[in-house]
Structures are given as C-alpha cells and as structure tokens.
Amino acid sequence: MPYPTNLNVANRCEQLIREGGAIPATIAVLDGRVKVGLTQSQLERLATPREESGSATKVSRRDFAASIALGKTGGMSTPIFTECSCC
C-alpha cells in the first residue's frame, strides 16, 4: 500500500486488536534485529517511502537471514512471522 495508507491501515488494525482486548504485536526486522510489538515511530519508519526513510524493505523468507546479518530494516511477510514464532 502507498504511504500514508499503509500507516493508517497498520494503526487501525492495532486499534481493533486493542478494542478486542488483545495486545497487538506487529513484527519487523529493525537494524538487523527481529522486533515483536512496534512503537508508533517504528511503524512510521517502516511505512515511510524508502527515499525518505532510508532502507525499509519487505523481508521475505529468502531475505530473512541476510537482513539480520547485514543490519537491514523491513516489514516481514506472514511465512517469516510463522517461522519466528516457532523458535
């Protein structure tokens, strides 16, 4: 999704999760570290177009190990999320 729609959708999803009584846990790789549960500024960093924010990309199964090893930043796809949750 284009910015700022992507950020609005992420914020709305987290709001709906909170309203349902749960704690949202958006997952991403930030500077080579897997983060579970992002702050608003971290969400904004991922949502902002790359030319403005620097280096946020989509992290897929293929890119996962390299993203961590190289200190990259990006949003994670669902298959990677399930792999992380199994560890």
N, C-alpha and C. Protein backbone atom coordinates (compact mmCIF):
# COMPACT_ATOMS: atom_id res chain seq x y z
N MET A 1 0.83 -1.19 0.00
CA MET A 1 0.00 0.00 0.00
C MET A 1 0.88 1.25 0.00
N PRO A 2 0.43 2.28 -0.63
CA PRO A 2 1.22 3.51 -0.63
C PRO A 2 1.11 4.24 0.71
N TYR A 3 2.13 5.04 0.99
CA TYR A 3 2.14 5.88 2.17
C TYR A 3 1.19 7.05 1.91
N PRO A 4 0.38 7.50 2.83
CA PRO A 4 0.24 7.12 4.23
C PRO A 4 -0.84 6.06 4.48
N THR A 5 -1.44 5.51 3.41
CA THR A 5 -2.47 4.49 3.60
C THR A 5 -1.94 3.32 4.40
N ASN A 6 -0.71 2.89 4.12
CA ASN A 6 -0.13 1.74 4.83
C ASN A 6 -0.05 2.00 6.34
N LEU A 7 0.34 3.19 6.72
CA LEU A 7 0.44 3.53 8.14
C LEU A 7 -0.94 3.61 8.78
N ASN A 8 -1.89 4.19 8.07
CA ASN A 8 -3.26 4.28 8.59
C ASN A 8 -3.86 2.89 8.80
N VAL A 9 -3.63 1.98 7.86
CA VAL A 9 -4.14 0.61 7.99
C VAL A 9 -3.48 -0.09 9.18
N ALA A 10 -2.17 0.05 9.32
CA ALA A 10 -1.47 -0.57 10.45
C ALA A 10 -1.99 -0.04 11.78
N ASN A 11 -2.17 1.26 11.88
CA ASN A 11 -2.69 1.84 13.12
C ASN A 11 -4.11 1.38 13.41
N ARG A 12 -4.94 1.31 12.37
CA ARG A 12 -6.33 0.87 12.55
C ARG A 12 -6.37 -0.60 12.98
N CYS A 13 -5.56 -1.43 12.37
CA CYS A 13 -5.51 -2.84 12.75
C CYS A 13 -5.11 -2.99 14.21
N GLU A 14 -4.09 -2.26 14.62
CA GLU A 14 -3.66 -2.34 16.02
C GLU A 14 -4.75 -1.83 16.96
N GLN A 15 -5.47 -0.79 16.55
CA GLN A 15 -6.56 -0.26 17.37
C GLN A 15 -7.67 -1.30 17.53
N LEU A 16 -8.04 -1.98 16.45
CA LEU A 16 -9.08 -3.00 16.52
C LEU A 16 -8.66 -4.17 17.42
N ILE A 17 -7.40 -4.52 17.37
CA ILE A 17 -6.88 -5.58 18.23
C ILE A 17 -7.00 -5.18 19.69
N ARG A 18 -6.62 -3.94 20.00
CA ARG A 18 -6.73 -3.44 21.39
C ARG A 18 -8.19 -3.41 21.85
N GLU A 19 -9.08 -2.95 20.96
CA GLU A 19 -10.50 -2.90 21.29
C GLU A 19 -11.06 -4.30 21.56
N GLY A 20 -10.47 -5.30 20.95
CA GLY A 20 -10.88 -6.68 21.18
C GLY A 20 -10.30 -7.28 22.44
N GLY A 21 -9.47 -6.51 23.15
CA GLY A 21 -8.92 -6.96 24.41
C GLY A 21 -7.57 -7.64 24.32
N ALA A 22 -6.96 -7.60 23.14
CA ALA A 22 -5.64 -8.24 22.96
C ALA A 22 -4.57 -7.17 22.80
N ILE A 23 -3.34 -7.61 22.80
CA ILE A 23 -2.20 -6.72 22.62
C ILE A 23 -1.63 -6.95 21.22
N PRO A 24 -1.60 -5.91 20.38
CA PRO A 24 -1.05 -6.09 19.03
C PRO A 24 0.46 -6.31 19.08
N ALA A 25 0.94 -7.10 18.16
CA ALA A 25 2.37 -7.39 18.12
C ALA A 25 2.85 -7.39 16.67
N THR A 26 2.89 -6.21 16.08
CA THR A 26 3.41 -6.07 14.72
C THR A 26 4.88 -6.49 14.74
N ILE A 27 5.29 -7.24 13.73
CA ILE A 27 6.63 -7.79 13.70
C ILE A 27 7.41 -7.23 12.52
N ALA A 28 8.68 -6.90 12.76
CA ALA A 28 9.55 -6.38 11.70
C ALA A 28 11.00 -6.69 12.05
N VAL A 29 11.86 -6.51 11.07
CA VAL A 29 13.30 -6.54 11.30
C VAL A 29 13.75 -5.09 11.29
N LEU A 30 14.31 -4.63 12.40
CA LEU A 30 14.79 -3.25 12.51
C LEU A 30 16.28 -3.27 12.80
N ASP A 31 17.05 -2.75 11.89
CA ASP A 31 18.50 -2.70 12.04
C ASP A 31 19.08 -4.08 12.36
N GLY A 32 18.53 -5.11 11.69
CA GLY A 32 19.04 -6.45 11.85
C GLY A 32 18.53 -7.22 13.05
N ARG A 33 17.58 -6.66 13.77
CA ARG A 33 17.02 -7.32 14.96
C ARG A 33 15.53 -7.57 14.74
N VAL A 34 15.05 -8.75 15.07
CA VAL A 34 13.62 -9.04 14.98
C VAL A 34 12.93 -8.35 16.15
N LYS A 35 11.92 -7.55 15.84
CA LYS A 35 11.17 -6.81 16.86
C LYS A 35 9.72 -7.27 16.83
N VAL A 36 9.19 -7.59 17.99
CA VAL A 36 7.81 -8.00 18.14
C VAL A 36 7.11 -6.94 18.96
N GLY A 37 6.14 -6.26 18.36
CA GLY A 37 5.47 -5.15 19.03
C GLY A 37 6.24 -3.87 18.75
N LEU A 38 5.73 -3.06 17.84
CA LEU A 38 6.46 -1.86 17.42
C LEU A 38 5.87 -0.60 18.04
N THR A 39 6.72 0.38 18.27
CA THR A 39 6.28 1.69 18.72
C THR A 39 5.70 2.44 17.52
N GLN A 40 5.04 3.54 17.78
CA GLN A 40 4.49 4.35 16.69
C GLN A 40 5.60 4.85 15.77
N SER A 41 6.71 5.26 16.33
CA SER A 41 7.81 5.76 15.48
C SER A 41 8.41 4.64 14.63
N GLN A 42 8.43 3.41 15.16
CA GLN A 42 8.93 2.28 14.37
C GLN A 42 7.96 1.95 13.23
N LEU A 43 6.66 2.01 13.50
CA LEU A 43 5.67 1.81 12.45
C LEU A 43 5.82 2.87 11.36
N GLU A 44 6.00 4.12 11.78
CA GLU A 44 6.18 5.21 10.82
C GLU A 44 7.43 5.01 9.98
N ARG A 45 8.48 4.53 10.60
CA ARG A 45 9.73 4.28 9.88
C ARG A 45 9.53 3.24 8.78
N LEU A 46 8.79 2.18 9.09
CA LEU A 46 8.52 1.16 8.08
C LEU A 46 7.60 1.66 6.97
N ALA A 47 6.63 2.50 7.35
CA ALA A 47 5.63 2.95 6.39
C ALA A 47 6.13 4.03 5.43
N THR A 48 7.11 4.80 5.86
CA THR A 48 7.60 5.92 5.06
C THR A 48 8.33 5.40 3.81
N PRO A 49 8.08 6.04 2.66
CA PRO A 49 8.77 5.60 1.44
C PRO A 49 10.28 5.54 1.62
N ARG A 50 10.92 4.56 0.98
CA ARG A 50 12.36 4.33 1.14
C ARG A 50 13.21 5.57 0.86
N GLU A 51 12.83 6.34 -0.14
CA GLU A 51 13.66 7.50 -0.46
C GLU A 51 13.64 8.54 0.66
N GLU A 52 12.61 8.49 1.52
CA GLU A 52 12.53 9.41 2.65
C GLU A 52 13.13 8.82 3.93
N SER A 53 12.92 7.52 4.14
CA SER A 53 13.32 6.91 5.42
C SER A 53 14.65 6.19 5.36
N GLY A 54 15.13 5.91 4.17
CA GLY A 54 16.41 5.23 4.08
C GLY A 54 16.33 3.84 3.52
N SER A 55 15.97 2.84 4.35
CA SER A 55 16.21 1.49 3.89
C SER A 55 15.11 0.47 4.14
N ALA A 56 13.93 0.83 4.54
CA ALA A 56 12.90 -0.16 4.85
C ALA A 56 12.46 -0.89 3.59
N THR A 57 12.45 -2.23 3.66
CA THR A 57 12.03 -3.06 2.55
C THR A 57 11.12 -4.16 3.07
N LYS A 58 10.62 -5.00 2.18
CA LYS A 58 9.86 -6.18 2.59
C LYS A 58 10.85 -7.31 2.79
N VAL A 59 10.78 -7.96 3.93
CA VAL A 59 11.68 -9.07 4.24
C VAL A 59 10.92 -10.37 4.00
N SER A 60 11.38 -11.15 3.05
CA SER A 60 10.76 -12.44 2.75
C SER A 60 11.62 -13.57 3.30
N ARG A 61 11.16 -14.78 3.13
CA ARG A 61 11.93 -15.94 3.59
C ARG A 61 13.33 -15.92 2.99
N ARG A 62 13.43 -15.57 1.72
CA ARG A 62 14.71 -15.53 1.02
C ARG A 62 15.67 -14.50 1.63
N ASP A 63 15.14 -13.37 2.08
CA ASP A 63 15.96 -12.25 2.58
C ASP A 63 16.20 -12.26 4.08
N PHE A 64 15.51 -13.13 4.80
CA PHE A 64 15.48 -13.05 6.26
C PHE A 64 16.87 -13.10 6.89
N ALA A 65 17.64 -14.13 6.60
CA ALA A 65 18.97 -14.28 7.22
C ALA A 65 19.89 -13.13 6.83
N ALA A 66 19.87 -12.76 5.55
CA ALA A 66 20.73 -11.66 5.09
C ALA A 66 20.33 -10.34 5.73
N SER A 67 19.03 -10.11 5.91
CA SER A 67 18.57 -8.87 6.54
C SER A 67 19.10 -8.74 7.97
N ILE A 68 19.10 -9.84 8.68
CA ILE A 68 19.63 -9.82 10.05
C ILE A 68 21.14 -9.64 10.04
N ALA A 69 21.82 -10.42 9.20
CA ALA A 69 23.29 -10.36 9.15
C ALA A 69 23.80 -9.00 8.71
N LEU A 70 23.08 -8.35 7.80
CA LEU A 70 23.53 -7.06 7.26
C LEU A 70 22.93 -5.85 7.97
N GLY A 71 22.14 -6.10 9.03
CA GLY A 71 21.57 -4.99 9.79
C GLY A 71 20.52 -4.21 9.05
N LYS A 72 19.75 -4.88 8.20
CA LYS A 72 18.72 -4.21 7.39
C LYS A 72 17.45 -3.97 8.20
N THR A 73 16.54 -3.21 7.60
CA THR A 73 15.25 -2.89 8.19
C THR A 73 14.15 -3.20 7.19
N GLY A 74 13.09 -3.87 7.65
CA GLY A 74 11.97 -4.14 6.76
C GLY A 74 10.81 -4.82 7.45
N GLY A 75 9.67 -4.73 6.80
CA GLY A 75 8.48 -5.42 7.27
C GLY A 75 8.58 -6.89 6.90
N MET A 76 7.96 -7.74 7.70
CA MET A 76 8.08 -9.18 7.48
C MET A 76 6.82 -9.74 6.85
N SER A 77 6.99 -10.73 5.99
CA SER A 77 5.87 -11.42 5.38
C SER A 77 5.33 -12.47 6.35
N THR A 78 4.13 -12.94 6.12
CA THR A 78 3.49 -13.90 7.01
C THR A 78 4.29 -15.19 7.18
N PRO A 79 4.85 -15.80 6.12
CA PRO A 79 5.63 -17.03 6.34
C PRO A 79 6.81 -16.84 7.29
N ILE A 80 7.47 -15.68 7.21
CA ILE A 80 8.58 -15.43 8.11
C ILE A 80 8.09 -15.28 9.54
N PHE A 81 6.95 -14.62 9.71
CA PHE A 81 6.36 -14.47 11.05
C PHE A 81 6.12 -15.84 11.67
N THR A 82 5.57 -16.78 10.92
CA THR A 82 5.28 -18.08 11.49
C THR A 82 6.56 -18.83 11.82
N GLU A 83 7.60 -18.64 11.03
CA GLU A 83 8.89 -19.28 11.34
C GLU A 83 9.48 -18.70 12.63
N CYS A 84 9.37 -17.38 12.81
CA CYS A 84 9.90 -16.75 14.03
C CYS A 84 9.14 -17.21 15.26
N SER A 85 7.84 -17.40 15.12
CA SER A 85 7.02 -17.77 16.27
C SER A 85 7.27 -19.21 16.71
N CYS A 86 7.87 -20.00 15.85
CA CYS A 86 8.15 -21.40 16.20
C CYS A 86 9.46 -21.55 16.96
N CYS A 87 10.27 -20.53 16.99
CA CYS A 87 11.61 -20.64 17.60
C CYS A 87 11.58 -20.33 19.07
